[in-house]
Amino acid sequence: MWTFRRMLAISWLLKVSNEEVLRRVNQRRELLHTIKIRKVAYLGHVLRHERYELLQLIMMGKVAGRRGAGRRKKSWLRNIREWTGIASAAELFRLAKDRQEFTKLTANLR
């Protein structure tokens, strides 16, 4: 993960931001990228295994009734569709069945 070429000592009194420290050591934030990869990989895992049948039904199903007023919340599946660039959930589910194709999709996230 973190590799420092030299020891970096920055006093808290200097009030240097985290972004500035990362810039000084030529690093980028990796947490969001790690979350994206794990989330997409977990989706593939769930959709490929039979023991998650109930979870698959929940993800693919629709809820009866009307949606409440206000702005829609970001859904877990919607995040994955945006990150992968795949518009339909059905296409995403179809891709997840093929482990090699889904691994390529996961590797190309940024």
C-alpha atoms as a PDB file:
ATOM      1  CA  MET A   1       0.000   0.000   0.000  1.00  0.00           C
ATOM      2  CA  TRP A   2       2.022   2.932   1.273  1.00  0.00           C
ATOM      3  CA  THR A   3       5.645   3.029   0.265  1.00  0.00           C
ATOM      4  CA  PHE A   4       7.744   5.927   1.408  1.00  0.00           C
ATOM      5  CA  ARG A   5      11.096   6.502  -0.192  1.00  0.00           C
ATOM      6  CA  ARG A   6      12.286   8.527   2.740  1.00  0.00           C
ATOM      7  CA  MET A   7      11.003   9.271   6.194  1.00  0.00           C
ATOM      8  CA  LEU A   8       8.691  12.259   6.126  1.00  0.00           C
ATOM      9  CA  ALA A   9       8.386  14.243   9.335  1.00  0.00           C
ATOM     10  CA  ILE A  10       5.791  16.986   9.236  1.00  0.00           C
ATOM     11  CA  SER A  11       4.842  18.652  12.468  1.00  0.00           C
ATOM     12  CA  TRP A  12       1.137  19.108  13.145  1.00  0.00           C
ATOM     13  CA  LEU A  13       1.974  22.723  14.001  1.00  0.00           C
ATOM     14  CA  LEU A  14       2.632  23.391  10.313  1.00  0.00           C
ATOM     15  CA  LYS A  15      -1.054  22.680   9.564  1.00  0.00           C
ATOM     16  CA  VAL A  16      -0.296  20.825   6.329  1.00  0.00           C
ATOM     17  CA  SER A  17      -3.358  19.238   4.748  1.00  0.00           C
ATOM     18  CA  ASN A  18      -3.595  15.532   3.968  1.00  0.00           C
ATOM     19  CA  GLU A  19      -3.758  16.367   0.277  1.00  0.00           C
ATOM     20  CA  GLU A  20      -0.481  18.281   0.526  1.00  0.00           C
ATOM     21  CA  VAL A  21       1.246  15.414   2.339  1.00  0.00           C
ATOM     22  CA  LEU A  22       0.091  12.960  -0.343  1.00  0.00           C
ATOM     23  CA  ARG A  23       1.287  15.327  -3.047  1.00  0.00           C
ATOM     24  CA  ARG A  24       4.729  15.588  -1.409  1.00  0.00           C
ATOM     25  CA  VAL A  25       5.188  11.801  -1.403  1.00  0.00           C
ATOM     26  CA  ASN A  26       3.697  11.397  -4.903  1.00  0.00           C
ATOM     27  CA  GLN A  27       0.757   9.278  -3.745  1.00  0.00           C
ATOM     28  CA  ARG A  28      -2.980   9.377  -4.429  1.00  0.00           C
ATOM     29  CA  ARG A  29      -5.941   8.462  -2.307  1.00  0.00           C
ATOM     30  CA  GLU A  30      -6.703   4.805  -2.787  1.00  0.00           C
ATOM     31  CA  LEU A  31      -9.609   4.178  -0.415  1.00  0.00           C
ATOM     32  CA  LEU A  32     -12.411   4.977  -2.862  1.00  0.00           C
ATOM     33  CA  HIS A  33     -10.792   2.832  -5.552  1.00  0.00           C
ATOM     34  CA  THR A  34     -10.489  -0.067  -3.097  1.00  0.00           C
ATOM     35  CA  ILE A  35     -14.137   0.301  -2.094  1.00  0.00           C
ATOM     36  CA  LYS A  36     -15.243   0.291  -5.727  1.00  0.00           C
ATOM     37  CA  ILE A  37     -13.283  -2.865  -6.532  1.00  0.00           C
ATOM     38  CA  ARG A  38     -14.558  -4.710  -3.474  1.00  0.00           C
ATOM     39  CA  LYS A  39     -18.157  -3.666  -4.043  1.00  0.00           C
ATOM     40  CA  VAL A  40     -18.160  -4.786  -7.677  1.00  0.00           C
ATOM     41  CA  ALA A  41     -16.320  -8.020  -6.829  1.00  0.00           C
ATOM     42  CA  TYR A  42     -18.841  -8.785  -4.073  1.00  0.00           C
ATOM     43  CA  LEU A  43     -21.724  -8.295  -6.514  1.00  0.00           C
ATOM     44  CA  GLY A  44     -20.153 -10.816  -8.870  1.00  0.00           C
ATOM     45  CA  HIS A  45     -19.647 -13.249  -6.004  1.00  0.00           C
ATOM     46  CA  VAL A  46     -23.265 -12.966  -4.856  1.00  0.00           C
ATOM     47  CA  LEU A  47     -24.708 -13.337  -8.344  1.00  0.00           C
ATOM     48  CA  ARG A  48     -22.617 -16.417  -9.188  1.00  0.00           C
ATOM     49  CA  HIS A  49     -23.306 -18.522  -6.077  1.00  0.00           C
ATOM     50  CA  GLU A  50     -26.534 -20.410  -5.503  1.00  0.00           C
ATOM     51  CA  ARG A  51     -26.523 -20.001  -1.727  1.00  0.00           C
ATOM     52  CA  TYR A  52     -27.301 -16.293  -2.160  1.00  0.00           C
ATOM     53  CA  GLU A  53     -30.566 -16.957  -3.976  1.00  0.00           C
ATOM     54  CA  LEU A  54     -32.630 -14.843  -1.577  1.00  0.00           C
ATOM     55  CA  LEU A  55     -30.222 -11.915  -1.898  1.00  0.00           C
ATOM     56  CA  GLN A  56     -30.373 -12.243  -5.705  1.00  0.00           C
ATOM     57  CA  LEU A  57     -34.164 -12.101  -5.611  1.00  0.00           C
ATOM     58  CA  ILE A  58     -34.028  -9.007  -3.429  1.00  0.00           C
ATOM     59  CA  MET A  59     -31.581  -7.250  -5.769  1.00  0.00           C
ATOM     60  CA  MET A  60     -33.476  -8.132  -8.940  1.00  0.00           C
ATOM     61  CA  GLY A  61     -36.960  -7.601  -7.534  1.00  0.00           C
ATOM     62  CA  LYS A  62     -39.276  -4.599  -7.473  1.00  0.00           C
ATOM     63  CA  VAL A  63     -41.080  -3.181  -4.484  1.00  0.00           C
ATOM     64  CA  ALA A  64     -44.827  -2.749  -4.790  1.00  0.00           C
ATOM     65  CA  GLY A  65     -46.358   0.637  -4.054  1.00  0.00           C
ATOM     66  CA  ARG A  66     -45.350   4.210  -4.640  1.00  0.00           C
ATOM     67  CA  ARG A  67     -42.039   5.824  -3.904  1.00  0.00           C
ATOM     68  CA  GLY A  68     -41.999   8.558  -1.298  1.00  0.00           C
ATOM     69  CA  ALA A  69     -41.569  12.220  -2.157  1.00  0.00           C
ATOM     70  CA  GLY A  70     -38.156  13.811  -2.367  1.00  0.00           C
ATOM     71  CA  ARG A  71     -34.843  13.059  -3.957  1.00  0.00           C
ATOM     72  CA  ARG A  72     -34.050   9.410  -4.586  1.00  0.00           C
ATOM     73  CA  LYS A  73     -31.305   7.874  -2.525  1.00  0.00           C
ATOM     74  CA  LYS A  74     -28.256   6.431  -4.244  1.00  0.00           C
ATOM     75  CA  SER A  75     -28.646   2.692  -4.295  1.00  0.00           C
ATOM     76  CA  TRP A  76     -25.873   0.162  -3.947  1.00  0.00           C
ATOM     77  CA  LEU A  77     -26.598  -1.236  -7.390  1.00  0.00           C
ATOM     78  CA  ARG A  78     -26.841   2.218  -8.971  1.00  0.00           C
ATOM     79  CA  ASN A  79     -23.327   3.049  -7.721  1.00  0.00           C
ATOM     80  CA  ILE A  80     -21.976  -0.072  -9.377  1.00  0.00           C
ATOM     81  CA  ARG A  81     -23.781   0.668 -12.641  1.00  0.00           C
ATOM     82  CA  GLU A  82     -22.302   4.186 -12.727  1.00  0.00           C
ATOM     83  CA  TRP A  83     -18.760   3.022 -11.926  1.00  0.00           C
ATOM     84  CA  THR A  84     -18.808   0.269 -14.537  1.00  0.00           C
ATOM     85  CA  GLY A  85     -20.612   2.312 -17.176  1.00  0.00           C
ATOM     86  CA  ILE A  86     -23.285  -0.354 -17.668  1.00  0.00           C
ATOM     87  CA  ALA A  87     -26.729   1.221 -17.931  1.00  0.00           C
ATOM     88  CA  SER A  88     -28.988  -1.738 -17.195  1.00  0.00           C
ATOM     89  CA  ALA A  89     -28.948  -3.958 -14.143  1.00  0.00           C
ATOM     90  CA  ALA A  90     -29.927  -6.932 -16.322  1.00  0.00           C
ATOM     91  CA  GLU A  91     -26.735  -6.520 -18.378  1.00  0.00           C
ATOM     92  CA  LEU A  92     -24.694  -6.259 -15.190  1.00  0.00           C
ATOM     93  CA  PHE A  93     -26.278  -9.457 -13.838  1.00  0.00           C
ATOM     94  CA  ARG A  94     -25.603 -11.249 -17.129  1.00  0.00           C
ATOM     95  CA  LEU A  95     -21.962 -10.175 -17.091  1.00  0.00           C
ATOM     96  CA  ALA A  96     -21.536 -11.293 -13.483  1.00  0.00           C
ATOM     97  CA  LYS A  97     -22.291 -14.903 -14.464  1.00  0.00           C
ATOM     98  CA  ASP A  98     -19.099 -14.986 -16.568  1.00  0.00           C
ATOM     99  CA  ARG A  99     -16.278 -14.729 -14.051  1.00  0.00           C
ATOM    100  CA  GLN A 100     -13.559 -13.778 -16.578  1.00  0.00           C
ATOM    101  CA  GLU A 101     -15.577 -10.963 -18.144  1.00  0.00           C
ATOM    102  CA  PHE A 102     -16.545  -9.636 -14.736  1.00  0.00           C
ATOM    103  CA  THR A 103     -12.923  -9.720 -13.586  1.00  0.00           C
ATOM    104  CA  LYS A 104     -11.986  -7.560 -16.587  1.00  0.00           C
ATOM    105  CA  LEU A 105     -14.763  -5.158 -15.669  1.00  0.00           C
ATOM    106  CA  THR A 106     -13.494  -4.954 -12.077  1.00  0.00           C
ATOM    107  CA  ALA A 107      -9.891  -4.411 -13.202  1.00  0.00           C
ATOM    108  CA  ASN A 108     -10.863  -1.414 -15.359  1.00  0.00           C
ATOM    109  CA  LEU A 109     -12.466   0.605 -12.556  1.00  0.00           C
ATOM    110  CA  ARG A 110     -11.101   4.026 -11.639  1.00  0.00           C
END
